Amino acid sequence: SPSRGLGDVYKRQRQDELTDHFFFLLHQHYKKERSVSFYADKLYISDKYLMRVLKKSTGQTFHFWVIEFIMREAKLLLRSTTISITEISEKLNYPNPSFFSRVFHQYVGMTPKEFRNQ
């Protein structure tokens, strides 16, 4: 098979770099910032390009990663603290506990309360 051109290699490195930088930013801001444009602006790229790069380099969407980070934190808080579900939903910047519980249930397959009590 023909060897890849330097352009392809550079493009792949650039995409990996953007992906790494995105995860660095996501780790810092996911509790508050959930919009593609927030991260794209910080990376000086368009929303569409960020979404395309993430899909290409991770096989997952922007929204998948945001919810993944939030739910990982939610599970950690439910398992390792006794703070209320209301407080957890506030910490994770949900408008209200019932919305948080609905999203959690959709993602995890049980309510936050069930998850904590299992």
PDB file of N, CA and C in Angstrom:
ATOM      1  N   SER A   1       0.845  -1.195   0.000  1.00  0.00           N
ATOM      2  CA  SER A   1       0.000   0.000   0.000  1.00  0.00           C
ATOM      3  C   SER A   1       0.881   1.245   0.000  1.00  0.00           C
ATOM      4  N   PRO A   2       0.442   2.274  -0.689  1.00  0.00           N
ATOM      5  CA  PRO A   2       1.273   3.485  -0.781  1.00  0.00           C
ATOM      6  C   PRO A   2       1.442   4.125   0.598  1.00  0.00           C
ATOM      7  N   SER A   3       2.622   4.666   0.837  1.00  0.00           N
ATOM      8  CA  SER A   3       2.860   5.273   2.152  1.00  0.00           C
ATOM      9  C   SER A   3       2.024   6.552   2.273  1.00  0.00           C
ATOM     10  N   ARG A   4       1.633   6.842   3.496  1.00  0.00           N
ATOM     11  CA  ARG A   4       0.835   8.039   3.714  1.00  0.00           C
ATOM     12  C   ARG A   4       1.680   9.280   3.487  1.00  0.00           C
ATOM     13  N   GLY A   5       1.059  10.284   2.907  1.00  0.00           N
ATOM     14  CA  GLY A   5       1.779  11.539   2.692  1.00  0.00           C
ATOM     15  C   GLY A   5       2.020  12.239   4.022  1.00  0.00           C
ATOM     16  N   LEU A   6       2.980  13.135   4.035  1.00  0.00           N
ATOM     17  CA  LEU A   6       3.270  13.905   5.255  1.00  0.00           C
ATOM     18  C   LEU A   6       2.062  14.713   5.681  1.00  0.00           C
ATOM     19  N   GLY A   7       1.279  15.166   4.716  1.00  0.00           N
ATOM     20  CA  GLY A   7       0.060  15.926   5.015  1.00  0.00           C
ATOM     21  C   GLY A   7      -0.880  15.132   5.895  1.00  0.00           C
ATOM     22  N   ASP A   8      -1.048  13.847   5.563  1.00  0.00           N
ATOM     23  CA  ASP A   8      -1.926  12.970   6.359  1.00  0.00           C
ATOM     24  C   ASP A   8      -1.398  12.796   7.773  1.00  0.00           C
ATOM     25  N   VAL A   9      -0.102  12.585   7.877  1.00  0.00           N
ATOM     26  CA  VAL A   9       0.526  12.393   9.184  1.00  0.00           C
ATOM     27  C   VAL A   9       0.346  13.651  10.022  1.00  0.00           C
ATOM     28  N   TYR A  10       0.603  14.808   9.409  1.00  0.00           N
ATOM     29  CA  TYR A  10       0.458  16.074  10.125  1.00  0.00           C
ATOM     30  C   TYR A  10      -0.982  16.275  10.577  1.00  0.00           C
ATOM     31  N   LYS A  11      -1.913  15.976   9.680  1.00  0.00           N
ATOM     32  CA  LYS A  11      -3.330  16.145   9.983  1.00  0.00           C
ATOM     33  C   LYS A  11      -3.733  15.267  11.168  1.00  0.00           C
ATOM     34  N   ARG A  12      -3.250  14.021  11.161  1.00  0.00           N
ATOM     35  CA  ARG A  12      -3.563  13.100  12.247  1.00  0.00           C
ATOM     36  C   ARG A  12      -2.973  13.590  13.568  1.00  0.00           C
ATOM     37  N   GLN A  13      -1.719  14.072  13.518  1.00  0.00           N
ATOM     38  CA  GLN A  13      -1.094  14.613  14.735  1.00  0.00           C
ATOM     39  C   GLN A  13      -1.870  15.810  15.260  1.00  0.00           C
ATOM     40  N   ARG A  14      -2.286  16.680  14.342  1.00  0.00           N
ATOM     41  CA  ARG A  14      -3.061  17.867  14.704  1.00  0.00           C
ATOM     42  C   ARG A  14      -4.385  17.448  15.353  1.00  0.00           C
ATOM     43  N   GLN A  15      -5.028  16.450  14.780  1.00  0.00           N
ATOM     44  CA  GLN A  15      -6.301  15.977  15.336  1.00  0.00           C
ATOM     45  C   GLN A  15      -6.112  15.366  16.716  1.00  0.00           C
ATOM     46  N   ASP A  16      -5.041  14.587  16.878  1.00  0.00           N
ATOM     47  CA  ASP A  16      -4.747  13.999  18.194  1.00  0.00           C
ATOM     48  C   ASP A  16      -4.474  15.089  19.226  1.00  0.00           C
ATOM     49  N   GLU A  17      -3.748  16.120  18.805  1.00  0.00           N
ATOM     50  CA  GLU A  17      -3.430  17.242  19.674  1.00  0.00           C
ATOM     51  C   GLU A  17      -4.707  17.962  20.109  1.00  0.00           C
ATOM     52  N   LEU A  18      -5.576  18.212  19.142  1.00  0.00           N
ATOM     53  CA  LEU A  18      -6.855  18.871  19.446  1.00  0.00           C
ATOM     54  C   LEU A  18      -7.684  18.024  20.402  1.00  0.00           C
ATOM     55  N   THR A  19      -7.704  16.724  20.155  1.00  0.00           N
ATOM     56  CA  THR A  19      -8.465  15.809  21.010  1.00  0.00           C
ATOM     57  C   THR A  19      -7.916  15.838  22.435  1.00  0.00           C
ATOM     58  N   ASP A  20      -6.593  15.745  22.572  1.00  0.00           N
ATOM     59  CA  ASP A  20      -5.970  15.811  23.902  1.00  0.00           C
ATOM     60  C   ASP A  20      -6.303  17.121  24.602  1.00  0.00           C
ATOM     61  N   HIS A  21      -6.206  18.210  23.864  1.00  0.00           N
ATOM     62  CA  HIS A  21      -6.477  19.529  24.437  1.00  0.00           C
ATOM     63  C   HIS A  21      -7.953  19.645  24.833  1.00  0.00           C
ATOM     64  N   PHE A  22      -8.830  19.096  23.991  1.00  0.00           N
ATOM     65  CA  PHE A  22     -10.259  19.086  24.320  1.00  0.00           C
ATOM     66  C   PHE A  22     -10.496  18.365  25.651  1.00  0.00           C
ATOM     67  N   PHE A  23      -9.902  17.184  25.829  1.00  0.00           N
ATOM     68  CA  PHE A  23     -10.112  16.432  27.070  1.00  0.00           C
ATOM     69  C   PHE A  23      -9.543  17.161  28.283  1.00  0.00           C
ATOM     70  N   PHE A  24      -8.425  17.847  28.088  1.00  0.00           N
ATOM     71  CA  PHE A  24      -7.850  18.673  29.151  1.00  0.00           C
ATOM     72  C   PHE A  24      -8.849  19.757  29.569  1.00  0.00           C
ATOM     73  N   LEU A  25      -9.429  20.448  28.573  1.00  0.00           N
ATOM     74  CA  LEU A  25     -10.415  21.501  28.848  1.00  0.00           C
ATOM     75  C   LEU A  25     -11.690  20.922  29.457  1.00  0.00           C
ATOM     76  N   LEU A  26     -12.140  19.810  28.914  1.00  0.00           N
ATOM     77  CA  LEU A  26     -13.360  19.179  29.404  1.00  0.00           C
ATOM     78  C   LEU A  26     -13.208  18.823  30.880  1.00  0.00           C
ATOM     79  N   HIS A  27     -12.064  18.266  31.221  1.00  0.00           N
ATOM     80  CA  HIS A  27     -11.792  17.894  32.602  1.00  0.00           C
ATOM     81  C   HIS A  27     -11.903  19.106  33.534  1.00  0.00           C
ATOM     82  N   GLN A  28     -11.484  20.262  33.056  1.00  0.00           N
ATOM     83  CA  GLN A  28     -11.532  21.477  33.873  1.00  0.00           C
ATOM     84  C   GLN A  28     -12.924  22.105  33.945  1.00  0.00           C
ATOM     85  N   HIS A  29     -13.705  21.981  32.883  1.00  0.00           N
ATOM     86  CA  HIS A  29     -14.921  22.795  32.759  1.00  0.00           C
ATOM     87  C   HIS A  29     -16.245  22.043  32.662  1.00  0.00           C
ATOM     88  N   TYR A  30     -16.208  20.700  32.629  1.00  0.00           N
ATOM     89  CA  TYR A  30     -17.451  19.968  32.317  1.00  0.00           C
ATOM     90  C   TYR A  30     -18.603  20.235  33.279  1.00  0.00           C
ATOM     91  N   LYS A  31     -18.311  20.583  34.526  1.00  0.00           N
ATOM     92  CA  LYS A  31     -19.396  20.808  35.483  1.00  0.00           C
ATOM     93  C   LYS A  31     -20.215  22.035  35.117  1.00  0.00           C
ATOM     94  N   LYS A  32     -19.573  22.997  34.445  1.00  0.00           N
ATOM     95  CA  LYS A  32     -20.268  24.233  34.101  1.00  0.00           C
ATOM     96  C   LYS A  32     -20.549  24.380  32.607  1.00  0.00           C
ATOM     97  N   GLU A  33     -19.585  23.971  31.796  1.00  0.00           N
ATOM     98  CA  GLU A  33     -19.671  24.244  30.353  1.00  0.00           C
ATOM     99  C   GLU A  33     -20.004  22.993  29.560  1.00  0.00           C
ATOM    100  N   ARG A  34     -21.121  23.059  28.847  1.00  0.00           N
ATOM    101  CA  ARG A  34     -21.576  21.869  28.105  1.00  0.00           C
ATOM    102  C   ARG A  34     -21.791  22.138  26.631  1.00  0.00           C
ATOM    103  N   SER A  35     -21.454  23.351  26.178  1.00  0.00           N
ATOM    104  CA  SER A  35     -21.725  23.670  24.775  1.00  0.00           C
ATOM    105  C   SER A  35     -20.484  23.445  23.914  1.00  0.00           C
ATOM    106  N   VAL A  36     -20.720  22.955  22.725  1.00  0.00           N
ATOM    107  CA  VAL A  36     -19.640  22.729  21.767  1.00  0.00           C
ATOM    108  C   VAL A  36     -18.879  24.033  21.550  1.00  0.00           C
ATOM    109  N   SER A  37     -19.617  25.141  21.423  1.00  0.00           N
ATOM    110  CA  SER A  37     -18.963  26.411  21.082  1.00  0.00           C
ATOM    111  C   SER A  37     -17.983  26.868  22.157  1.00  0.00           C
ATOM    112  N   PHE A  38     -18.268  26.590  23.435  1.00  0.00           N
ATOM    113  CA  PHE A  38     -17.329  26.955  24.499  1.00  0.00           C
ATOM    114  C   PHE A  38     -15.962  26.323  24.234  1.00  0.00           C
ATOM    115  N   TYR A  39     -15.948  25.022  23.962  1.00  0.00           N
ATOM    116  CA  TYR A  39     -14.694  24.288  23.761  1.00  0.00           C
ATOM    117  C   TYR A  39     -14.056  24.634  22.418  1.00  0.00           C
ATOM    118  N   ALA A  40     -14.871  24.732  21.390  1.00  0.00           N
ATOM    119  CA  ALA A  40     -14.352  25.082  20.061  1.00  0.00           C
ATOM    120  C   ALA A  40     -13.680  26.459  20.104  1.00  0.00           C
ATOM    121  N   ASP A  41     -14.306  27.417  20.774  1.00  0.00           N
ATOM    122  CA  ASP A  41     -13.721  28.762  20.907  1.00  0.00           C
ATOM    123  C   ASP A  41     -12.366  28.708  21.604  1.00  0.00           C
ATOM    124  N   LYS A  42     -12.295  27.933  22.675  1.00  0.00           N
ATOM    125  CA  LYS A  42     -11.032  27.813  23.418  1.00  0.00           C
ATOM    126  C   LYS A  42      -9.931  27.156  22.568  1.00  0.00           C
ATOM    127  N   LEU A  43     -10.343  26.320  21.631  1.00  0.00           N
ATOM    128  CA  LEU A  43      -9.382  25.630  20.765  1.00  0.00           C
ATOM    129  C   LEU A  43      -9.147  26.376  19.443  1.00  0.00           C
ATOM    130  N   TYR A  44      -9.842  27.505  19.284  1.00  0.00           N
ATOM    131  CA  TYR A  44      -9.736  28.325  18.067  1.00  0.00           C
ATOM    132  C   TYR A  44     -10.114  27.557  16.806  1.00  0.00           C
ATOM    133  N   ILE A  45     -11.172  26.760  16.923  1.00  0.00           N
ATOM    134  CA  ILE A  45     -11.675  26.034  15.753  1.00  0.00           C
ATOM    135  C   ILE A  45     -13.195  26.152  15.729  1.00  0.00           C
ATOM    136  N   SER A  46     -13.805  25.726  14.640  1.00  0.00           N
ATOM    137  CA  SER A  46     -15.266  25.806  14.545  1.00  0.00           C
ATOM    138  C   SER A  46     -15.917  24.643  15.295  1.00  0.00           C
ATOM    139  N   ASP A  47     -17.161  24.834  15.672  1.00  0.00           N
ATOM    140  CA  ASP A  47     -17.933  23.785  16.347  1.00  0.00           C
ATOM    141  C   ASP A  47     -17.932  22.507  15.510  1.00  0.00           C
ATOM    142  N   LYS A  48     -18.212  22.690  14.228  1.00  0.00           N
ATOM    143  CA  LYS A  48     -18.309  21.538  13.317  1.00  0.00           C
ATOM    144  C   LYS A  48     -17.005  20.766  13.248  1.00  0.00           C
ATOM    145  N   TYR A  49     -15.902  21.511  13.191  1.00  0.00           N
ATOM    146  CA  TYR A  49     -14.601  20.861  13.102  1.00  0.00           C
ATOM    147  C   TYR A  49     -14.295  20.085  14.384  1.00  0.00           C
ATOM    148  N   LEU A  50     -14.585  20.681  15.522  1.00  0.00           N
ATOM    149  CA  LEU A  50     -14.369  19.981  16.801  1.00  0.00           C
ATOM    150  C   LEU A  50     -15.171  18.687  16.836  1.00  0.00           C
ATOM    151  N   MET A  51     -16.437  18.760  16.448  1.00  0.00           N
ATOM    152  CA  MET A  51     -17.285  17.558  16.479  1.00  0.00           C
ATOM    153  C   MET A  51     -16.751  16.485  15.524  1.00  0.00           C
ATOM    154  N   ARG A  52     -16.279  16.931  14.358  1.00  0.00           N
ATOM    155  CA  ARG A  52     -15.749  15.981  13.373  1.00  0.00           C
ATOM    156  C   ARG A  52     -14.470  15.315  13.881  1.00  0.00           C
ATOM    157  N   VAL A  53     -13.558  16.109  14.441  1.00  0.00           N
ATOM    158  CA  VAL A  53     -12.293  15.593  14.964  1.00  0.00           C
ATOM    159  C   VAL A  53     -12.538  14.586  16.088  1.00  0.00           C
ATOM    160  N   LEU A  54     -13.432  14.930  17.013  1.00  0.00           N
ATOM    161  CA  LEU A  54     -13.720  14.018  18.131  1.00  0.00           C
ATOM    162  C   LEU A  54     -14.277  12.700  17.636  1.00  0.00           C
ATOM    163  N   LYS A  55     -15.222  12.775  16.720  1.00  0.00           N
ATOM    164  CA  LYS A  55     -15.851  11.569  16.178  1.00  0.00           C
ATOM    165  C   LYS A  55     -14.794  10.703  15.497  1.00  0.00           C
ATOM    166  N   LYS A  56     -13.915  11.368  14.754  1.00  0.00           N
ATOM    167  CA  LYS A  56     -12.880  10.651  14.010  1.00  0.00           C
ATOM    168  C   LYS A  56     -11.857  10.032  14.956  1.00  0.00           C
ATOM    169  N   SER A  57     -11.405  10.775  15.954  1.00  0.00           N
ATOM    170  CA  SER A  57     -10.304  10.265  16.776  1.00  0.00           C
ATOM    171  C   SER A  57     -10.765   9.407  17.949  1.00  0.00           C
ATOM    172  N   THR A  58     -12.032   9.530  18.382  1.00  0.00           N
ATOM    173  CA  THR A  58     -12.481   8.719  19.527  1.00  0.00           C
ATOM    174  C   THR A  58     -13.606   7.758  19.174  1.00  0.00           C
ATOM    175  N   GLY A  59     -14.241   7.979  18.030  1.00  0.00           N
ATOM    176  CA  GLY A  59     -15.388   7.147  17.654  1.00  0.00           C
ATOM    177  C   GLY A  59     -16.661   7.561  18.376  1.00  0.00           C
ATOM    178  N   GLN A  60     -16.569   8.625  19.182  1.00  0.00           N
ATOM    179  CA  GLN A  60     -17.741   9.087  19.935  1.00  0.00           C
ATOM    180  C   GLN A  60     -17.996  10.566  19.665  1.00  0.00           C
ATOM    181  N   THR A  61     -19.204  11.011  20.017  1.00  0.00           N
ATOM    182  CA  THR A  61     -19.591  12.400  19.780  1.00  0.00           C
ATOM    183  C   THR A  61     -19.169  13.309  20.929  1.00  0.00           C
ATOM    184  N   PHE A  62     -19.185  14.599  20.668  1.00  0.00           N
ATOM    185  CA  PHE A  62     -18.935  15.610  21.694  1.00  0.00           C
ATOM    186  C   PHE A  62     -19.867  15.391  22.885  1.00  0.00           C
ATOM    187  N   HIS A  63     -21.164  15.249  22.591  1.00  0.00           N
ATOM    188  CA  HIS A  63     -22.152  15.128  23.673  1.00  0.00           C
ATOM    189  C   HIS A  63     -21.953  13.859  24.500  1.00  0.00           C
ATOM    190  N   PHE A  64     -21.536  12.788  23.833  1.00  0.00           N
ATOM    191  CA  PHE A  64     -21.209  11.566  24.566  1.00  0.00           C
ATOM    192  C   PHE A  64     -20.168  11.861  25.627  1.00  0.00           C
ATOM    193  N   TRP A  65     -19.082  12.561  25.253  1.00  0.00           N
ATOM    194  CA  TRP A  65     -17.988  12.804  26.194  1.00  0.00           C
ATOM    195  C   TRP A  65     -18.397  13.706  27.341  1.00  0.00           C
ATOM    196  N   VAL A  66     -19.203  14.722  27.044  1.00  0.00           N
ATOM    197  CA  VAL A  66     -19.659  15.624  28.110  1.00  0.00           C
ATOM    198  C   VAL A  66     -20.479  14.836  29.131  1.00  0.00           C
ATOM    199  N   ILE A  67     -21.451  14.082  28.657  1.00  0.00           N
ATOM    200  CA  ILE A  67     -22.321  13.324  29.565  1.00  0.00           C
ATOM    201  C   ILE A  67     -21.524  12.228  30.278  1.00  0.00           C
ATOM    202  N   GLU A  68     -20.559  11.635  29.596  1.00  0.00           N
ATOM    203  CA  GLU A  68     -19.690  10.621  30.197  1.00  0.00           C
ATOM    204  C   GLU A  68     -18.954  11.189  31.415  1.00  0.00           C
ATOM    205  N   PHE A  69     -18.369  12.379  31.263  1.00  0.00           N
ATOM    206  CA  PHE A  69     -17.647  13.022  32.367  1.00  0.00           C
ATOM    207  C   PHE A  69     -18.601  13.358  33.519  1.00  0.00           C
ATOM    208  N   ILE A  70     -19.768  13.886  33.184  1.00  0.00           N
ATOM    209  CA  ILE A  70     -20.744  14.267  34.212  1.00  0.00           C
ATOM    210  C   ILE A  70     -21.228  13.043  34.975  1.00  0.00           C
ATOM    211  N   MET A  71     -21.569  11.986  34.254  1.00  0.00           N
ATOM    212  CA  MET A  71     -22.101  10.785  34.898  1.00  0.00           C
ATOM    213  C   MET A  71     -21.038  10.062  35.721  1.00  0.00           C
ATOM    214  N   ARG A  72     -19.796  10.105  35.264  1.00  0.00           N
ATOM    215  CA  ARG A  72     -18.701   9.510  36.032  1.00  0.00           C
ATOM    216  C   ARG A  72     -18.581  10.220  37.383  1.00  0.00           C
ATOM    217  N   GLU A  73     -18.648  11.538  37.353  1.00  0.00           N
ATOM    218  CA  GLU A  73     -18.581  12.326  38.585  1.00  0.00           C
ATOM    219  C   GLU A  73     -19.804  12.061  39.469  1.00  0.00           C
ATOM    220  N   ALA A  74     -20.988  11.991  38.846  1.00  0.00           N
ATOM    221  CA  ALA A  74     -22.221  11.730  39.597  1.00  0.00           C
ATOM    222  C   ALA A  74     -22.123  10.386  40.323  1.00  0.00           C
ATOM    223  N   LYS A  75     -21.659   9.364  39.623  1.00  0.00           N
ATOM    224  CA  LYS A  75     -21.519   8.030  40.230  1.00  0.00           C
ATOM    225  C   LYS A  75     -20.530   8.065  41.388  1.00  0.00           C
ATOM    226  N   LEU A  76     -19.424   8.772  41.186  1.00  0.00           N
ATOM    227  CA  LEU A  76     -18.414   8.894  42.230  1.00  0.00           C
ATOM    228  C   LEU A  76     -19.008   9.559  43.475  1.00  0.00           C
ATOM    229  N   LEU A  77     -19.727  10.644  43.277  1.00  0.00           N
ATOM    230  CA  LEU A  77     -20.343  11.368  44.401  1.00  0.00           C
ATOM    231  C   LEU A  77     -21.401  10.511  45.099  1.00  0.00           C
ATOM    232  N   LEU A  78     -22.174   9.765  44.316  1.00  0.00           N
ATOM    233  CA  LEU A  78     -23.211   8.906  44.904  1.00  0.00           C
ATOM    234  C   LEU A  78     -22.589   7.771  45.711  1.00  0.00           C
ATOM    235  N   ARG A  79     -21.478   7.241  45.224  1.00  0.00           N
ATOM    236  CA  ARG A  79     -20.808   6.122  45.893  1.00  0.00           C
ATOM    237  C   ARG A  79     -19.988   6.532  47.094  1.00  0.00           C
ATOM    238  N   SER A  80     -19.324   7.666  46.998  1.00  0.00           N
ATOM    239  CA  SER A  80     -18.290   7.980  47.983  1.00  0.00           C
ATOM    240  C   SER A  80     -18.650   9.122  48.929  1.00  0.00           C
ATOM    241  N   THR A  81     -19.844   9.687  48.788  1.00  0.00           N
ATOM    242  CA  THR A  81     -20.253  10.743  49.718  1.00  0.00           C
ATOM    243  C   THR A  81     -21.687  10.468  50.175  1.00  0.00           C
ATOM    244  N   THR A  82     -22.104  11.231  51.167  1.00  0.00           N
ATOM    245  CA  THR A  82     -23.503  11.120  51.616  1.00  0.00           C
ATOM    246  C   THR A  82     -24.282  12.376  51.240  1.00  0.00           C
ATOM    247  N   ILE A  83     -23.680  13.232  50.416  1.00  0.00           N
ATOM    248  CA  ILE A  83     -24.406  14.459  50.052  1.00  0.00           C
ATOM    249  C   ILE A  83     -25.666  14.112  49.263  1.00  0.00           C
ATOM    250  N   SER A  84     -26.670  14.950  49.435  1.00  0.00           N
ATOM    251  CA  SER A  84     -27.981  14.657  48.851  1.00  0.00           C
ATOM    252  C   SER A  84     -27.941  14.703  47.324  1.00  0.00           C
ATOM    253  N   ILE A  85     -28.920  14.059  46.725  1.00  0.00           N
ATOM    254  CA  ILE A  85     -29.044  14.048  45.273  1.00  0.00           C
ATOM    255  C   ILE A  85     -29.294  15.473  44.772  1.00  0.00           C
ATOM    256  N   THR A  86     -30.009  16.253  45.551  1.00  0.00           N
ATOM    257  CA  THR A  86     -30.223  17.668  45.218  1.00  0.00           C
ATOM    258  C   THR A  86     -28.879  18.408  45.157  1.00  0.00           C
ATOM    259  N   GLU A  87     -28.040  18.190  46.159  1.00  0.00           N
ATOM    260  CA  GLU A  87     -26.716  18.835  46.170  1.00  0.00           C
ATOM    261  C   GLU A  87     -25.849  18.374  45.004  1.00  0.00           C
ATOM    262  N   ILE A  88     -25.909  17.087  44.709  1.00  0.00           N
ATOM    263  CA  ILE A  88     -25.139  16.554  43.578  1.00  0.00           C
ATOM    264  C   ILE A  88     -25.612  17.209  42.287  1.00  0.00           C
ATOM    265  N   SER A  89     -26.917  17.317  42.126  1.00  0.00           N
ATOM    266  CA  SER A  89     -27.442  17.924  40.900  1.00  0.00           C
ATOM    267  C   SER A  89     -27.018  19.398  40.805  1.00  0.00           C
ATOM    268  N   GLU A  90     -26.933  20.088  41.936  1.00  0.00           N
ATOM    269  CA  GLU A  90     -26.452  21.476  41.938  1.00  0.00           C
ATOM    270  C   GLU A  90     -24.967  21.545  41.608  1.00  0.00           C
ATOM    271  N   LYS A  91     -24.186  20.671  42.229  1.00  0.00           N
ATOM    272  CA  LYS A  91     -22.740  20.607  41.960  1.00  0.00           C
ATOM    273  C   LYS A  91     -22.452  20.393  40.479  1.00  0.00           C
ATOM    274  N   LEU A  92     -23.283  19.581  39.845  1.00  0.00           N
ATOM    275  CA  LEU A  92     -23.093  19.250  38.436  1.00  0.00           C
ATOM    276  C   LEU A  92     -23.870  20.192  37.516  1.00  0.00           C
ATOM    277  N   ASN A  93     -24.398  21.246  38.134  1.00  0.00           N
ATOM    278  CA  ASN A  93     -25.022  22.324  37.370  1.00  0.00           C
ATOM    279  C   ASN A  93     -26.289  21.945  36.603  1.00  0.00           C
ATOM    280  N   TYR A  94     -27.075  21.073  37.186  1.00  0.00           N
ATOM    281  CA  TYR A  94     -28.378  20.764  36.594  1.00  0.00           C
ATOM    282  C   TYR A  94     -29.403  21.763  37.109  1.00  0.00           C
ATOM    283  N   PRO A  95     -30.394  22.105  36.256  1.00  0.00           N
ATOM    284  CA  PRO A  95     -31.390  23.096  36.677  1.00  0.00           C
ATOM    285  C   PRO A  95     -32.215  22.638  37.880  1.00  0.00           C
ATOM    286  N   ASN A  96     -32.437  21.324  37.995  1.00  0.00           N
ATOM    287  CA  ASN A  96     -33.158  20.789  39.160  1.00  0.00           C
ATOM    288  C   ASN A  96     -32.887  19.303  39.308  1.00  0.00           C
ATOM    289  N   PRO A  97     -33.136  18.764  40.522  1.00  0.00           N
ATOM    290  CA  PRO A  97     -32.832  17.357  40.801  1.00  0.00           C
ATOM    291  C   PRO A  97     -33.602  16.374  39.927  1.00  0.00           C
ATOM    292  N   SER A  98     -34.833  16.711  39.555  1.00  0.00           N
ATOM    293  CA  SER A  98     -35.604  15.728  38.782  1.00  0.00           C
ATOM    294  C   SER A  98     -35.057  15.621  37.358  1.00  0.00           C
ATOM    295  N   PHE A  99     -34.582  16.721  36.815  1.00  0.00           N
ATOM    296  CA  PHE A  99     -33.948  16.666  35.492  1.00  0.00           C
ATOM    297  C   PHE A  99     -32.654  15.850  35.574  1.00  0.00           C
ATOM    298  N   PHE A 100     -31.859  16.115  36.595  1.00  0.00           N
ATOM    299  CA  PHE A 100     -30.627  15.344  36.815  1.00  0.00           C
ATOM    300  C   PHE A 100     -30.951  13.853  36.924  1.00  0.00           C
ATOM    301  N   SER A 101     -31.956  13.515  37.735  1.00  0.00           N
ATOM    302  CA  SER A 101     -32.333  12.111  37.929  1.00  0.00           C
ATOM    303  C   SER A 101     -32.775  11.459  36.630  1.00  0.00           C
ATOM    304  N   ARG A 102     -33.504  12.221  35.801  1.00  0.00           N
ATOM    305  CA  ARG A 102     -33.980  11.697  34.519  1.00  0.00           C
ATOM    306  C   ARG A 102     -32.798  11.378  33.600  1.00  0.00           C
ATOM    307  N   VAL A 103     -31.853  12.307  33.507  1.00  0.00           N
ATOM    308  CA  VAL A 103     -30.666  12.101  32.672  1.00  0.00           C
ATOM    309  C   VAL A 103     -29.845  10.922  33.207  1.00  0.00           C
ATOM    310  N   PHE A 104     -29.667  10.890  34.516  1.00  0.00           N
ATOM    311  CA  PHE A 104     -28.903   9.808  35.141  1.00  0.00           C
ATOM    312  C   PHE A 104     -29.553   8.460  34.838  1.00  0.00           C
ATOM    313  N   HIS A 105     -30.855   8.392  34.999  1.00  0.00           N
ATOM    314  CA  HIS A 105     -31.596   7.156  34.745  1.00  0.00           C
ATOM    315  C   HIS A 105     -31.446   6.704  33.290  1.00  0.00           C
ATOM    316  N   GLN A 106     -31.558   7.660  32.368  1.00  0.00           N
ATOM    317  CA  GLN A 106     -31.400   7.348  30.944  1.00  0.00           C
ATOM    318  C   GLN A 106     -30.017   6.770  30.679  1.00  0.00           C
ATOM    319  N   TYR A 107     -29.016   7.347  31.299  1.00  0.00           N
ATOM    320  CA  TYR A 107     -27.631   7.002  31.013  1.00  0.00           C
ATOM    321  C   TYR A 107     -27.186   5.738  31.747  1.00  0.00           C
ATOM    322  N   VAL A 108     -27.593   5.607  33.005  1.00  0.00           N
ATOM    323  CA  VAL A 108     -27.086   4.532  33.860  1.00  0.00           C
ATOM    324  C   VAL A 108     -28.062   3.347  33.944  1.00  0.00           C
ATOM    325  N   GLY A 109     -29.330   3.613  33.688  1.00  0.00           N
ATOM    326  CA  GLY A 109     -30.315   2.533  33.716  1.00  0.00           C
ATOM    327  C   GLY A 109     -30.978   2.356  35.076  1.00  0.00           C
ATOM    328  N   MET A 110     -30.679   3.260  35.996  1.00  0.00           N
ATOM    329  CA  MET A 110     -31.359   3.275  37.302  1.00  0.00           C
ATOM    330  C   MET A 110     -31.326   4.694  37.842  1.00  0.00           C
ATOM    331  N   THR A 111     -32.136   4.966  38.831  1.00  0.00           N
ATOM    332  CA  THR A 111     -32.162   6.307  39.411  1.00  0.00           C
ATOM    333  C   THR A 111     -30.914   6.513  40.276  1.00  0.00           C
ATOM    334  N   PRO A 112     -30.568   7.776  40.557  1.00  0.00           N
ATOM    335  CA  PRO A 112     -29.436   8.028  41.447  1.00  0.00           C
ATOM    336  C   PRO A 112     -29.613   7.339  42.807  1.00  0.00           C
ATOM    337  N   LYS A 113     -30.839   7.341  43.300  1.00  0.00           N
ATOM    338  CA  LYS A 113     -31.118   6.703  44.591  1.00  0.00           C
ATOM    339  C   LYS A 113     -30.875   5.191  44.536  1.00  0.00           C
ATOM    340  N   GLU A 114     -31.384   4.554  43.486  1.00  0.00           N
ATOM    341  CA  GLU A 114     -31.152   3.111  43.298  1.00  0.00           C
ATOM    342  C   GLU A 114     -29.660   2.818  43.178  1.00  0.00           C
ATOM    343  N   PHE A 115     -28.962   3.675  42.420  1.00  0.00           N
ATOM    344  CA  PHE A 115     -27.521   3.485  42.228  1.00  0.00           C
ATOM    345  C   PHE A 115     -26.792   3.571  43.568  1.00  0.00           C
ATOM    346  N   ARG A 116     -27.153   4.537  44.362  1.00  0.00           N
ATOM    347  CA  ARG A 116     -26.501   4.723  45.662  1.00  0.00           C
ATOM    348  C   ARG A 116     -26.784   3.559  46.596  1.00  0.00           C
ATOM    349  N   ASN A 117     -27.992   3.020  46.530  1.00  0.00           N
ATOM    350  CA  ASN A 117     -28.398   1.975  47.477  1.00  0.00           C
ATOM    351  C   ASN A 117     -28.020   0.558  47.072  1.00  0.00           C
ATOM    352  N   GLN A 118     -27.509   0.411  45.844  1.00  0.00           N
ATOM    353  CA  GLN A 118     -27.209  -0.958  45.380  1.00  0.00           C
ATOM    354  C   GLN A 118     -26.001  -1.564  46.066  1.00  0.00           C
TER     355      GLN A 118
END
